[in-house]
C-alpha atoms as a PDB file:
ATOM      1  CA  GLN A   1     -18.572   0.641   0.032  1.00  0.00           C
ATOM      2  CA  VAL A   2     -15.010   0.693  -1.259  1.00  0.00           C
ATOM      3  CA  GLN A   3     -13.684  -1.889  -3.670  1.00  0.00           C
ATOM      4  CA  LEU A   4      -9.912  -2.156  -3.968  1.00  0.00           C
ATOM      5  CA  VAL A   5      -7.960  -4.100  -6.574  1.00  0.00           C
ATOM      6  CA  GLU A   6      -4.192  -4.414  -6.316  1.00  0.00           C
ATOM      7  CA  SER A   7      -1.835  -5.134  -9.183  1.00  0.00           C
ATOM      8  CA  GLY A   8       1.847  -4.971 -10.013  1.00  0.00           C
ATOM      9  CA  GLY A   9       3.174  -7.736  -7.817  1.00  0.00           C
ATOM     10  CA  GLY A  10       5.602 -10.298  -9.087  1.00  0.00           C
ATOM     11  CA  LEU A  11       9.016 -11.869  -8.745  1.00  0.00           C
ATOM     12  CA  VAL A  12      12.047  -9.622  -8.503  1.00  0.00           C
ATOM     13  CA  GLN A  13      15.661 -10.023  -7.493  1.00  0.00           C
ATOM     14  CA  ALA A  14      17.032  -8.408  -4.364  1.00  0.00           C
ATOM     15  CA  GLY A  15      17.930  -4.800  -5.017  1.00  0.00           C
ATOM     16  CA  GLY A  16      15.315  -4.464  -7.709  1.00  0.00           C
ATOM     17  CA  SER A  17      12.156  -2.386  -7.858  1.00  0.00           C
ATOM     18  CA  LEU A  18       8.436  -2.855  -8.274  1.00  0.00           C
ATOM     19  CA  ARG A  19       5.510  -0.486  -8.365  1.00  0.00           C
ATOM     20  CA  LEU A  20       2.213  -1.651  -6.974  1.00  0.00           C
ATOM     21  CA  SER A  21      -1.051  -0.072  -8.007  1.00  0.00           C
ATOM     22  CA  CYS A  22      -4.413  -0.058  -6.283  1.00  0.00           C
ATOM     23  CA  ALA A  23      -7.534   0.833  -8.219  1.00  0.00           C
ATOM     24  CA  ALA A  24     -10.328   2.012  -5.952  1.00  0.00           C
ATOM     25  CA  SER A  25     -14.041   2.278  -6.516  1.00  0.00           C
ATOM     26  CA  ALA A  26     -15.403   4.949  -4.221  1.00  0.00           C
ATOM     27  CA  ARG A  27     -17.756   7.865  -4.604  1.00  0.00           C
ATOM     28  CA  THR A  28     -15.463  10.077  -2.543  1.00  0.00           C
ATOM     29  CA  PHE A  29     -12.052   8.516  -3.018  1.00  0.00           C
ATOM     30  CA  SER A  30     -10.250  11.749  -2.258  1.00  0.00           C
ATOM     31  CA  ARG A  31     -11.726  11.698   1.236  1.00  0.00           C
ATOM     32  CA  TYR A  32     -10.259   8.343   2.222  1.00  0.00           C
ATOM     33  CA  VAL A  33      -6.956   7.830   3.910  1.00  0.00           C
ATOM     34  CA  MET A  34      -5.247   5.133   1.880  1.00  0.00           C
ATOM     35  CA  GLY A  35      -2.542   2.715   2.809  1.00  0.00           C
ATOM     36  CA  TRP A  36      -0.650  -0.472   2.185  1.00  0.00           C
ATOM     37  CA  LEU A  37      -0.267  -3.450   4.483  1.00  0.00           C
ATOM     38  CA  ARG A  38       1.519  -6.723   3.968  1.00  0.00           C
ATOM     39  CA  GLN A  39       1.456 -10.231   5.333  1.00  0.00           C
ATOM     40  CA  ALA A  40       4.024 -12.988   5.034  1.00  0.00           C
ATOM     41  CA  PRO A  41       3.153 -16.641   5.713  1.00  0.00           C
ATOM     42  CA  GLY A  42       2.925 -17.353   9.418  1.00  0.00           C
ATOM     43  CA  THR A  43       3.021 -13.684  10.373  1.00  0.00           C
ATOM     44  CA  GLU A  44       0.504 -11.036  11.299  1.00  0.00           C
ATOM     45  CA  ARG A  45      -0.547  -8.426   8.822  1.00  0.00           C
ATOM     46  CA  GLU A  46       1.662  -5.369   9.286  1.00  0.00           C
ATOM     47  CA  PHE A  47       1.426  -1.733   8.362  1.00  0.00           C
ATOM     48  CA  VAL A  48       3.607  -0.532   5.502  1.00  0.00           C
ATOM     49  CA  ALA A  49       2.562   2.973   4.495  1.00  0.00           C
ATOM     50  CA  ALA A  50      -0.303   5.456   4.567  1.00  0.00           C
ATOM     51  CA  ILE A  51      -1.176   8.663   2.767  1.00  0.00           C
ATOM     52  CA  SER A  52      -3.583  11.487   3.531  1.00  0.00           C
ATOM     53  CA  TRP A  53      -6.430  12.757   1.363  1.00  0.00           C
ATOM     54  CA  SER A  54      -4.364  15.183  -0.674  1.00  0.00           C
ATOM     55  CA  GLY A  55      -1.143  13.227  -0.468  1.00  0.00           C
ATOM     56  CA  GLY A  56       0.502  15.895   1.637  1.00  0.00           C
ATOM     57  CA  ILE A  57       1.129  13.622   4.606  1.00  0.00           C
ATOM     58  CA  THR A  58       2.691  10.185   4.506  1.00  0.00           C
ATOM     59  CA  ARG A  59       3.791   7.664   7.078  1.00  0.00           C
ATOM     60  CA  TYR A  60       5.966   4.578   6.720  1.00  0.00           C
ATOM     61  CA  ALA A  61       6.938   1.577   8.742  1.00  0.00           C
ATOM     62  CA  ASP A  62      10.543   1.764   9.888  1.00  0.00           C
ATOM     63  CA  SER A  63      11.348  -1.369   7.917  1.00  0.00           C
ATOM     64  CA  VAL A  64      10.572   0.304   4.578  1.00  0.00           C
ATOM     65  CA  LYS A  65      11.412   3.933   5.305  1.00  0.00           C
ATOM     66  CA  GLY A  66      13.703   5.385   2.669  1.00  0.00           C
ATOM     67  CA  ARG A  67      13.012   2.560   0.231  1.00  0.00           C
ATOM     68  CA  PHE A  68       9.259   2.687  -0.377  1.00  0.00           C
ATOM     69  CA  THR A  69       7.160   5.637  -1.517  1.00  0.00           C
ATOM     70  CA  ILE A  70       3.383   5.840  -1.355  1.00  0.00           C
ATOM     71  CA  SER A  71       1.523   8.205  -3.657  1.00  0.00           C
ATOM     72  CA  ARG A  72      -1.981   8.737  -4.978  1.00  0.00           C
ATOM     73  CA  ASP A  73      -3.730  10.128  -8.012  1.00  0.00           C
ATOM     74  CA  ASN A  74      -7.215  11.147  -6.955  1.00  0.00           C
ATOM     75  CA  ALA A  75      -8.246  11.898 -10.533  1.00  0.00           C
ATOM     76  CA  LYS A  76      -7.644   8.232 -11.331  1.00  0.00           C
ATOM     77  CA  ASN A  77      -8.822   6.808  -8.005  1.00  0.00           C
ATOM     78  CA  THR A  78      -5.482   5.063  -7.729  1.00  0.00           C
ATOM     79  CA  VAL A  79      -2.869   4.564  -5.017  1.00  0.00           C
ATOM     80  CA  TYR A  80       0.684   3.481  -5.715  1.00  0.00           C
ATOM     81  CA  LEU A  81       3.515   1.948  -3.772  1.00  0.00           C
ATOM     82  CA  GLN A  82       6.930   2.373  -5.331  1.00  0.00           C
ATOM     83  CA  MET A  83       9.275  -0.199  -3.850  1.00  0.00           C
ATOM     84  CA  ASN A  84      13.006   0.216  -4.379  1.00  0.00           C
ATOM     85  CA  SER A  85      16.014  -1.654  -3.030  1.00  0.00           C
ATOM     86  CA  LEU A  86      13.847  -4.674  -2.364  1.00  0.00           C
ATOM     87  CA  LYS A  87      15.005  -7.273   0.125  1.00  0.00           C
ATOM     88  CA  PRO A  88      14.002 -10.917   0.544  1.00  0.00           C
ATOM     89  CA  GLN A  89      12.291  -9.986   3.800  1.00  0.00           C
ATOM     90  CA  ASP A  90       9.923  -7.784   1.797  1.00  0.00           C
ATOM     91  CA  THR A  91       8.369 -10.950   0.393  1.00  0.00           C
ATOM     92  CA  ALA A  92       4.691 -10.913   1.310  1.00  0.00           C
ATOM     93  CA  VAL A  93       1.190 -10.438   0.036  1.00  0.00           C
ATOM     94  CA  TYR A  94       0.607  -6.713  -0.209  1.00  0.00           C
ATOM     95  CA  TYR A  95      -2.843  -5.314   0.469  1.00  0.00           C
ATOM     96  CA  CYS A  96      -4.257  -1.945  -0.407  1.00  0.00           C
ATOM     97  CA  ALA A  97      -6.375  -0.499   2.390  1.00  0.00           C
ATOM     98  CA  ALA A  98      -8.753   2.384   2.970  1.00  0.00           C
ATOM     99  CA  ARG A  99     -10.483   4.160   5.811  1.00  0.00           C
ATOM    100  CA  SER A 100     -12.953   6.991   5.875  1.00  0.00           C
ATOM    101  CA  GLY A 101     -12.326  10.166   7.775  1.00  0.00           C
ATOM    102  CA  SER A 102      -9.367  12.491   7.848  1.00  0.00           C
ATOM    103  CA  TRP A 103      -5.781  11.735   8.745  1.00  0.00           C
ATOM    104  CA  TYR A 104      -6.515  13.047  12.219  1.00  0.00           C
ATOM    105  CA  ALA A 105      -9.502  10.787  12.860  1.00  0.00           C
ATOM    106  CA  ARG A 106      -7.132   8.045  14.088  1.00  0.00           C
ATOM    107  CA  GLY A 107      -9.292   5.301  12.633  1.00  0.00           C
ATOM    108  CA  ASP A 108      -8.233   1.829  11.593  1.00  0.00           C
ATOM    109  CA  PHE A 109      -8.282   0.675   8.007  1.00  0.00           C
ATOM    110  CA  ALA A 110     -11.695  -0.849   7.412  1.00  0.00           C
ATOM    111  CA  SER A 111     -11.452  -2.019   3.799  1.00  0.00           C
ATOM    112  CA  TRP A 112      -8.763  -3.809   1.864  1.00  0.00           C
ATOM    113  CA  GLY A 113      -8.272  -5.585  -1.407  1.00  0.00           C
ATOM    114  CA  GLN A 114      -7.521  -9.186  -2.242  1.00  0.00           C
ATOM    115  CA  GLY A 115      -3.778  -8.637  -2.265  1.00  0.00           C
ATOM    116  CA  THR A 116      -0.940  -9.034  -4.719  1.00  0.00           C
ATOM    117  CA  GLN A 117       2.053 -11.297  -4.185  1.00  0.00           C
ATOM    118  CA  VAL A 118       5.526  -9.803  -4.054  1.00  0.00           C
ATOM    119  CA  THR A 119       8.426 -12.234  -4.006  1.00  0.00           C
ATOM    120  CA  VAL A 120      12.008 -11.041  -3.680  1.00  0.00           C
ATOM    121  CA  SER A 121      14.714 -13.564  -4.419  1.00  0.00           C
ATOM    122  CA  SER A 122      18.343 -13.407  -3.382  1.00  0.00           C
END
């Protein structure tokens, strides 16, 4: 049972930055692989970024590589997504996601939050 609550979304101009936060309620948060996914209207939900238990391993979608940074603070049960150099095509609802097991378990994200809207204007 993992409850995830995203925050930090909003309206920003192209080239600007936002930092999303995800507060998690889990007994063993540090043993969940965490990630971010996003979904724009009329599109499928797509993978954005993921981070391992200790934060030592990260993975990014090609579309955000070099611009976004995922991090976590296990002491605070919180995951972050720093988004820089934002583009209009980044506009979407961003969801925090979690899955049990290690990075090497190859599992799919099983839990996600309600989402936070990110809108990038030109």
